[in-house]
Amino acid sequence: MTVAVHRFEESIAGRPYLIEAMAVSADRWRAYIVRVPGVPTALMPFYGKTPEEAVRLLCDWLTRAHARAAAPAGSV
């Protein structure tokens, strides 16, 4: 069985991320960060109806995580 993998290169908070999305069923895609030395990874995959939707959900989460980490203590 051939599994299609879509790769996306994203820059979030000035950091490069390589994200892959692969089909897990006919209308469900899983997006995850490819492990690259020195780059943090998400602890869970993100799911969507298309590869683009799954990747967008992961990117949105990473954006929020970076913003929260950069905010002064007590300001979130």
PDB file of N, CA and C in Angstrom:
ATOM      1  N   MET A   1       0.842  -1.180   0.000  1.00  0.00           N
ATOM      2  CA  MET A   1       0.000   0.000   0.000  1.00  0.00           C
ATOM      3  C   MET A   1       0.887   1.243   0.000  1.00  0.00           C
ATOM      4  N   THR A   2       0.612   2.183  -0.879  1.00  0.00           N
ATOM      5  CA  THR A   2       1.349   3.435  -0.954  1.00  0.00           C
ATOM      6  C   THR A   2       0.626   4.492  -0.134  1.00  0.00           C
ATOM      7  N   VAL A   3       1.382   5.169   0.724  1.00  0.00           N
ATOM      8  CA  VAL A   3       0.810   6.217   1.558  1.00  0.00           C
ATOM      9  C   VAL A   3       1.372   7.548   1.097  1.00  0.00           C
ATOM     10  N   ALA A   4       0.481   8.469   0.726  1.00  0.00           N
ATOM     11  CA  ALA A   4       0.912   9.793   0.299  1.00  0.00           C
ATOM     12  C   ALA A   4       1.256  10.624   1.526  1.00  0.00           C
ATOM     13  N   VAL A   5       2.417  11.253   1.472  1.00  0.00           N
ATOM     14  CA  VAL A   5       2.850  12.141   2.544  1.00  0.00           C
ATOM     15  C   VAL A   5       3.058  13.512   1.938  1.00  0.00           C
ATOM     16  N   HIS A   6       2.436  14.511   2.542  1.00  0.00           N
ATOM     17  CA  HIS A   6       2.602  15.889   2.100  1.00  0.00           C
ATOM     18  C   HIS A   6       3.552  16.568   3.081  1.00  0.00           C
ATOM     19  N   ARG A   7       4.559  17.255   2.539  1.00  0.00           N
ATOM     20  CA  ARG A   7       5.521  17.959   3.396  1.00  0.00           C
ATOM     21  C   ARG A   7       5.320  19.454   3.256  1.00  0.00           C
ATOM     22  N   PHE A   8       5.376  20.132   4.390  1.00  0.00           N
ATOM     23  CA  PHE A   8       5.216  21.580   4.445  1.00  0.00           C
ATOM     24  C   PHE A   8       6.385  22.165   5.225  1.00  0.00           C
ATOM     25  N   GLU A   9       6.961  23.226   4.710  1.00  0.00           N
ATOM     26  CA  GLU A   9       7.990  23.965   5.440  1.00  0.00           C
ATOM     27  C   GLU A   9       7.351  25.238   5.943  1.00  0.00           C
ATOM     28  N   GLU A  10       7.358  25.431   7.245  1.00  0.00           N
ATOM     29  CA  GLU A  10       6.726  26.586   7.866  1.00  0.00           C
ATOM     30  C   GLU A  10       7.734  27.319   8.743  1.00  0.00           C
ATOM     31  N   SER A  11       7.574  28.624   8.845  1.00  0.00           N
ATOM     32  CA  SER A  11       8.369  29.426   9.764  1.00  0.00           C
ATOM     33  C   SER A  11       7.404  30.009  10.782  1.00  0.00           C
ATOM     34  N   ILE A  12       7.609  29.658  12.046  1.00  0.00           N
ATOM     35  CA  ILE A  12       6.731  30.108  13.113  1.00  0.00           C
ATOM     36  C   ILE A  12       7.604  30.711  14.210  1.00  0.00           C
ATOM     37  N   ALA A  13       7.335  31.956  14.543  1.00  0.00           N
ATOM     38  CA  ALA A  13       8.098  32.685  15.559  1.00  0.00           C
ATOM     39  C   ALA A  13       9.588  32.681  15.207  1.00  0.00           C
ATOM     40  N   GLY A  14       9.876  32.777  13.916  1.00  0.00           N
ATOM     41  CA  GLY A  14      11.259  32.837  13.469  1.00  0.00           C
ATOM     42  C   GLY A  14      11.988  31.505  13.455  1.00  0.00           C
ATOM     43  N   ARG A  15      11.279  30.436  13.703  1.00  0.00           N
ATOM     44  CA  ARG A  15      11.901  29.099  13.716  1.00  0.00           C
ATOM     45  C   ARG A  15      11.359  28.264  12.565  1.00  0.00           C
ATOM     46  N   PRO A  16      12.244  27.529  11.906  1.00  0.00           N
ATOM     47  CA  PRO A  16      11.779  26.676  10.800  1.00  0.00           C
ATOM     48  C   PRO A  16      11.195  25.354  11.325  1.00  0.00           C
ATOM     49  N   TYR A  17      10.123  24.919  10.706  1.00  0.00           N
ATOM     50  CA  TYR A  17       9.505  23.639  11.046  1.00  0.00           C
ATOM     51  C   TYR A  17       9.254  22.868   9.761  1.00  0.00           C
ATOM     52  N   LEU A  18       9.530  21.585   9.794  1.00  0.00           N
ATOM     53  CA  LEU A  18       9.174  20.685   8.710  1.00  0.00           C
ATOM     54  C   LEU A  18       8.017  19.846   9.226  1.00  0.00           C
ATOM     55  N   ILE A  19       6.878  19.975   8.557  1.00  0.00           N
ATOM     56  CA  ILE A  19       5.666  19.293   8.995  1.00  0.00           C
ATOM     57  C   ILE A  19       5.223  18.332   7.901  1.00  0.00           C
ATOM     58  N   GLU A  20       4.838  17.147   8.306  1.00  0.00           N
ATOM     59  CA  GLU A  20       4.309  16.163   7.367  1.00  0.00           C
ATOM     60  C   GLU A  20       2.851  15.911   7.691  1.00  0.00           C
ATOM     61  N   ALA A  21       2.078  15.639   6.653  1.00  0.00           N
ATOM     62  CA  ALA A  21       0.679  15.235   6.814  1.00  0.00           C
ATOM     63  C   ALA A  21       0.466  13.970   6.007  1.00  0.00           C
ATOM     64  N   MET A  22      -0.200  13.013   6.622  1.00  0.00           N
ATOM     65  CA  MET A  22      -0.494  11.768   5.910  1.00  0.00           C
ATOM     66  C   MET A  22      -1.918  11.324   6.221  1.00  0.00           C
ATOM     67  N   ALA A  23      -2.508  10.663   5.244  1.00  0.00           N
ATOM     68  CA  ALA A  23      -3.888  10.205   5.386  1.00  0.00           C
ATOM     69  C   ALA A  23      -3.952   9.052   6.377  1.00  0.00           C
ATOM     70  N   VAL A  24      -4.956   9.108   7.256  1.00  0.00           N
ATOM     71  CA  VAL A  24      -5.212   7.996   8.168  1.00  0.00           C
ATOM     72  C   VAL A  24      -6.538   7.327   7.836  1.00  0.00           C
ATOM     73  N   SER A  25      -7.355   8.001   7.007  1.00  0.00           N
ATOM     74  CA  SER A  25      -8.577   7.421   6.449  1.00  0.00           C
ATOM     75  C   SER A  25      -8.961   8.284   5.249  1.00  0.00           C
ATOM     76  N   ALA A  26     -10.085   7.997   4.642  1.00  0.00           N
ATOM     77  CA  ALA A  26     -10.470   8.683   3.406  1.00  0.00           C
ATOM     78  C   ALA A  26     -10.569  10.193   3.563  1.00  0.00           C
ATOM     79  N   ASP A  27     -11.056  10.674   4.702  1.00  0.00           N
ATOM     80  CA  ASP A  27     -11.215  12.123   4.884  1.00  0.00           C
ATOM     81  C   ASP A  27     -10.622  12.601   6.210  1.00  0.00           C
ATOM     82  N   ARG A  28      -9.534  11.977   6.619  1.00  0.00           N
ATOM     83  CA  ARG A  28      -8.877  12.359   7.875  1.00  0.00           C
ATOM     84  C   ARG A  28      -7.366  12.308   7.670  1.00  0.00           C
ATOM     85  N   TRP A  29      -6.727  13.447   7.948  1.00  0.00           N
ATOM     86  CA  TRP A  29      -5.278  13.575   7.795  1.00  0.00           C
ATOM     87  C   TRP A  29      -4.642  13.912   9.128  1.00  0.00           C
ATOM     88  N   ARG A  30      -3.450  13.376   9.351  1.00  0.00           N
ATOM     89  CA  ARG A  30      -2.701  13.628  10.576  1.00  0.00           C
ATOM     90  C   ARG A  30      -1.461  14.451  10.229  1.00  0.00           C
ATOM     91  N   ALA A  31      -1.266  15.563  10.935  1.00  0.00           N
ATOM     92  CA  ALA A  31      -0.085  16.406  10.740  1.00  0.00           C
ATOM     93  C   ALA A  31       0.803  16.293  11.975  1.00  0.00           C
ATOM     94  N   TYR A  32       2.097  16.254  11.746  1.00  0.00           N
ATOM     95  CA  TYR A  32       3.050  16.147  12.852  1.00  0.00           C
ATOM     96  C   TYR A  32       4.355  16.794  12.423  1.00  0.00           C
ATOM     97  N   ILE A  33       5.137  17.205  13.401  1.00  0.00           N
ATOM     98  CA  ILE A  33       6.437  17.820  13.136  1.00  0.00           C
ATOM     99  C   ILE A  33       7.458  16.716  12.924  1.00  0.00           C
ATOM    100  N   VAL A  34       8.224  16.853  11.871  1.00  0.00           N
ATOM    101  CA  VAL A  34       9.310  15.911  11.607  1.00  0.00           C
ATOM    102  C   VAL A  34      10.431  16.244  12.576  1.00  0.00           C
ATOM    103  N   ARG A  35      10.956  15.261  13.203  1.00  0.00           N
ATOM    104  CA  ARG A  35      12.034  15.500  14.170  1.00  0.00           C
ATOM    105  C   ARG A  35      13.288  15.985  13.462  1.00  0.00           C
ATOM    106  N   VAL A  36      13.712  17.176  13.860  1.00  0.00           N
ATOM    107  CA  VAL A  36      14.942  17.768  13.352  1.00  0.00           C
ATOM    108  C   VAL A  36      15.758  18.151  14.580  1.00  0.00           C
ATOM    109  N   PRO A  37      17.037  17.778  14.638  1.00  0.00           N
ATOM    110  CA  PRO A  37      17.838  18.108  15.815  1.00  0.00           C
ATOM    111  C   PRO A  37      17.792  19.607  16.136  1.00  0.00           C
ATOM    112  N   GLY A  38      17.541  19.924  17.410  1.00  0.00           N
ATOM    113  CA  GLY A  38      17.523  21.302  17.855  1.00  0.00           C
ATOM    114  C   GLY A  38      16.208  22.024  17.688  1.00  0.00           C
ATOM    115  N   VAL A  39      15.215  21.376  17.115  1.00  0.00           N
ATOM    116  CA  VAL A  39      13.909  22.010  16.908  1.00  0.00           C
ATOM    117  C   VAL A  39      12.892  21.297  17.797  1.00  0.00           C
ATOM    118  N   PRO A  40      12.101  22.054  18.588  1.00  0.00           N
ATOM    119  CA  PRO A  40      11.104  21.398  19.440  1.00  0.00           C
ATOM    120  C   PRO A  40      10.026  20.702  18.608  1.00  0.00           C
ATOM    121  N   THR A  41       9.423  19.684  19.159  1.00  0.00           N
ATOM    122  CA  THR A  41       8.367  18.959  18.455  1.00  0.00           C
ATOM    123  C   THR A  41       7.078  18.978  19.256  1.00  0.00           C
ATOM    124  N   ALA A  42       5.955  18.889  18.561  1.00  0.00           N
ATOM    125  CA  ALA A  42       4.667  18.810  19.236  1.00  0.00           C
ATOM    126  C   ALA A  42       4.545  17.441  19.889  1.00  0.00           C
ATOM    127  N   LEU A  43       3.860  17.376  21.001  1.00  0.00           N
ATOM    128  CA  LEU A  43       3.698  16.116  21.709  1.00  0.00           C
ATOM    129  C   LEU A  43       2.564  15.283  21.149  1.00  0.00           C
ATOM    130  N   MET A  44       1.732  15.884  20.291  1.00  0.00           N
ATOM    131  CA  MET A  44       0.594  15.152  19.757  1.00  0.00           C
ATOM    132  C   MET A  44       0.380  15.526  18.301  1.00  0.00           C
ATOM    133  N   PRO A  45      -0.193  14.635  17.533  1.00  0.00           N
ATOM    134  CA  PRO A  45      -0.522  14.981  16.148  1.00  0.00           C
ATOM    135  C   PRO A  45      -1.801  15.806  16.105  1.00  0.00           C
ATOM    136  N   PHE A  46      -2.031  16.469  15.002  1.00  0.00           N
ATOM    137  CA  PHE A  46      -3.236  17.257  14.786  1.00  0.00           C
ATOM    138  C   PHE A  46      -3.949  16.688  13.576  1.00  0.00           C
ATOM    139  N   TYR A  47      -5.274  16.654  13.626  1.00  0.00           N
ATOM    140  CA  TYR A  47      -6.072  16.020  12.585  1.00  0.00           C
ATOM    141  C   TYR A  47      -6.960  17.027  11.865  1.00  0.00           C
ATOM    142  N   GLY A  48      -7.192  16.792  10.572  1.00  0.00           N
ATOM    143  CA  GLY A  48      -8.080  17.619   9.779  1.00  0.00           C
ATOM    144  C   GLY A  48      -8.638  16.826   8.619  1.00  0.00           C
ATOM    145  N   LYS A  49      -9.590  17.416   7.896  1.00  0.00           N
ATOM    146  CA  LYS A  49     -10.199  16.741   6.748  1.00  0.00           C
ATOM    147  C   LYS A  49      -9.305  16.765   5.518  1.00  0.00           C
ATOM    148  N   THR A  50      -8.334  17.685   5.497  1.00  0.00           N
ATOM    149  CA  THR A  50      -7.364  17.781   4.398  1.00  0.00           C
ATOM    150  C   THR A  50      -5.972  17.929   5.004  1.00  0.00           C
ATOM    151  N   PRO A  51      -4.928  17.684   4.224  1.00  0.00           N
ATOM    152  CA  PRO A  51      -3.580  17.889   4.773  1.00  0.00           C
ATOM    153  C   PRO A  51      -3.372  19.346   5.182  1.00  0.00           C
ATOM    154  N   GLU A  52      -3.901  20.263   4.395  1.00  0.00           N
ATOM    155  CA  GLU A  52      -3.738  21.687   4.689  1.00  0.00           C
ATOM    156  C   GLU A  52      -4.421  22.072   6.008  1.00  0.00           C
ATOM    157  N   GLU A  53      -5.605  21.524   6.249  1.00  0.00           N
ATOM    158  CA  GLU A  53      -6.317  21.836   7.494  1.00  0.00           C
ATOM    159  C   GLU A  53      -5.561  21.289   8.700  1.00  0.00           C
ATOM    160  N   ALA A  54      -5.076  20.063   8.605  1.00  0.00           N
ATOM    161  CA  ALA A  54      -4.325  19.475   9.712  1.00  0.00           C
ATOM    162  C   ALA A  54      -3.060  20.286  10.003  1.00  0.00           C
ATOM    163  N   VAL A  55      -2.355  20.692   8.956  1.00  0.00           N
ATOM    164  CA  VAL A  55      -1.138  21.490   9.134  1.00  0.00           C
ATOM    165  C   VAL A  55      -1.475  22.858   9.719  1.00  0.00           C
ATOM    166  N   ARG A  56      -2.562  23.472   9.259  1.00  0.00           N
ATOM    167  CA  ARG A  56      -2.958  24.780   9.792  1.00  0.00           C
ATOM    168  C   ARG A  56      -3.256  24.693  11.284  1.00  0.00           C
ATOM    169  N   LEU A  57      -3.948  23.642  11.712  1.00  0.00           N
ATOM    170  CA  LEU A  57      -4.246  23.468  13.132  1.00  0.00           C
ATOM    171  C   LEU A  57      -2.965  23.325  13.946  1.00  0.00           C
ATOM    172  N   LEU A  58      -2.010  22.566  13.433  1.00  0.00           N
ATOM    173  CA  LEU A  58      -0.727  22.409  14.120  1.00  0.00           C
ATOM    174  C   LEU A  58       0.015  23.743  14.170  1.00  0.00           C
ATOM    175  N   CYS A  59       0.052  24.471  13.060  1.00  0.00           N
ATOM    176  CA  CYS A  59       0.732  25.777  13.019  1.00  0.00           C
ATOM    177  C   CYS A  59       0.068  26.773  13.963  1.00  0.00           C
ATOM    178  N   ASP A  60      -1.256  26.773  14.023  1.00  0.00           N
ATOM    179  CA  ASP A  60      -1.962  27.668  14.942  1.00  0.00           C
ATOM    180  C   ASP A  60      -1.576  27.363  16.390  1.00  0.00           C
ATOM    181  N   TRP A  61      -1.505  26.090  16.721  1.00  0.00           N
ATOM    182  CA  TRP A  61      -1.134  25.699  18.078  1.00  0.00           C
ATOM    183  C   TRP A  61       0.296  26.131  18.388  1.00  0.00           C
ATOM    184  N   LEU A  62       1.209  25.911  17.448  1.00  0.00           N
ATOM    185  CA  LEU A  62       2.604  26.323  17.660  1.00  0.00           C
ATOM    186  C   LEU A  62       2.713  27.837  17.835  1.00  0.00           C
ATOM    187  N   THR A  63       1.961  28.586  17.050  1.00  0.00           N
ATOM    188  CA  THR A  63       1.970  30.048  17.162  1.00  0.00           C
ATOM    189  C   THR A  63       1.523  30.475  18.556  1.00  0.00           C
ATOM    190  N   ARG A  64       0.436  29.868  19.050  1.00  0.00           N
ATOM    191  CA  ARG A  64      -0.038  30.197  20.399  1.00  0.00           C
ATOM    192  C   ARG A  64       0.981  29.789  21.458  1.00  0.00           C
ATOM    193  N   ALA A  65       1.606  28.630  21.297  1.00  0.00           N
ATOM    194  CA  ALA A  65       2.592  28.167  22.269  1.00  0.00           C
ATOM    195  C   ALA A  65       3.802  29.118  22.310  1.00  0.00           C
ATOM    196  N   HIS A  66       4.266  29.559  21.163  1.00  0.00           N
ATOM    197  CA  HIS A  66       5.391  30.488  21.134  1.00  0.00           C
ATOM    198  C   HIS A  66       5.006  31.829  21.763  1.00  0.00           C
ATOM    199  N   ALA A  67       3.797  32.309  21.474  1.00  0.00           N
ATOM    200  CA  ALA A  67       3.348  33.591  22.038  1.00  0.00           C
ATOM    201  C   ALA A  67       3.250  33.496  23.561  1.00  0.00           C
ATOM    202  N   ARG A  68       2.745  32.382  24.037  1.00  0.00           N
ATOM    203  CA  ARG A  68       2.620  32.203  25.488  1.00  0.00           C
ATOM    204  C   ARG A  68       3.989  32.138  26.146  1.00  0.00           C
ATOM    205  N   ALA A  69       4.929  31.437  25.522  1.00  0.00           N
ATOM    206  CA  ALA A  69       6.277  31.319  26.081  1.00  0.00           C
ATOM    207  C   ALA A  69       7.000  32.662  26.075  1.00  0.00           C
ATOM    208  N   ALA A  70       6.697  33.524  25.101  1.00  0.00           N
ATOM    209  CA  ALA A  70       7.378  34.805  24.989  1.00  0.00           C
ATOM    210  C   ALA A  70       6.753  35.888  25.867  1.00  0.00           C
ATOM    211  N   ALA A  71       5.520  35.659  26.345  1.00  0.00           N
ATOM    212  CA  ALA A  71       4.832  36.676  27.148  1.00  0.00           C
ATOM    213  C   ALA A  71       5.446  36.755  28.545  1.00  0.00           C
ATOM    214  N   PRO A  72       5.521  37.964  29.091  1.00  0.00           N
ATOM    215  CA  PRO A  72       6.004  38.099  30.468  1.00  0.00           C
ATOM    216  C   PRO A  72       5.120  37.296  31.427  1.00  0.00           C
ATOM    217  N   ALA A  73       5.699  36.827  32.499  1.00  0.00           N
ATOM    218  CA  ALA A  73       4.953  36.030  33.479  1.00  0.00           C
ATOM    219  C   ALA A  73       3.727  36.774  33.970  1.00  0.00           C
ATOM    220  N   GLY A  74       2.602  36.093  34.003  1.00  0.00           N
ATOM    221  CA  GLY A  74       1.371  36.668  34.520  1.00  0.00           C
ATOM    222  C   GLY A  74       0.599  37.515  33.519  1.00  0.00           C
ATOM    223  N   SER A  75       1.052  37.580  32.266  1.00  0.00           N
ATOM    224  CA  SER A  75       0.356  38.448  31.302  1.00  0.00           C
ATOM    225  C   SER A  75      -0.554  37.694  30.344  1.00  0.00           C
ATOM    226  N   VAL A  76      -0.649  36.388  30.472  1.00  0.00           N
ATOM    227  CA  VAL A  76      -1.463  35.619  29.535  1.00  0.00           C
ATOM    228  C   VAL A  76      -2.858  35.496  29.963  1.00  0.00           C
TER     229      VAL A  76
END
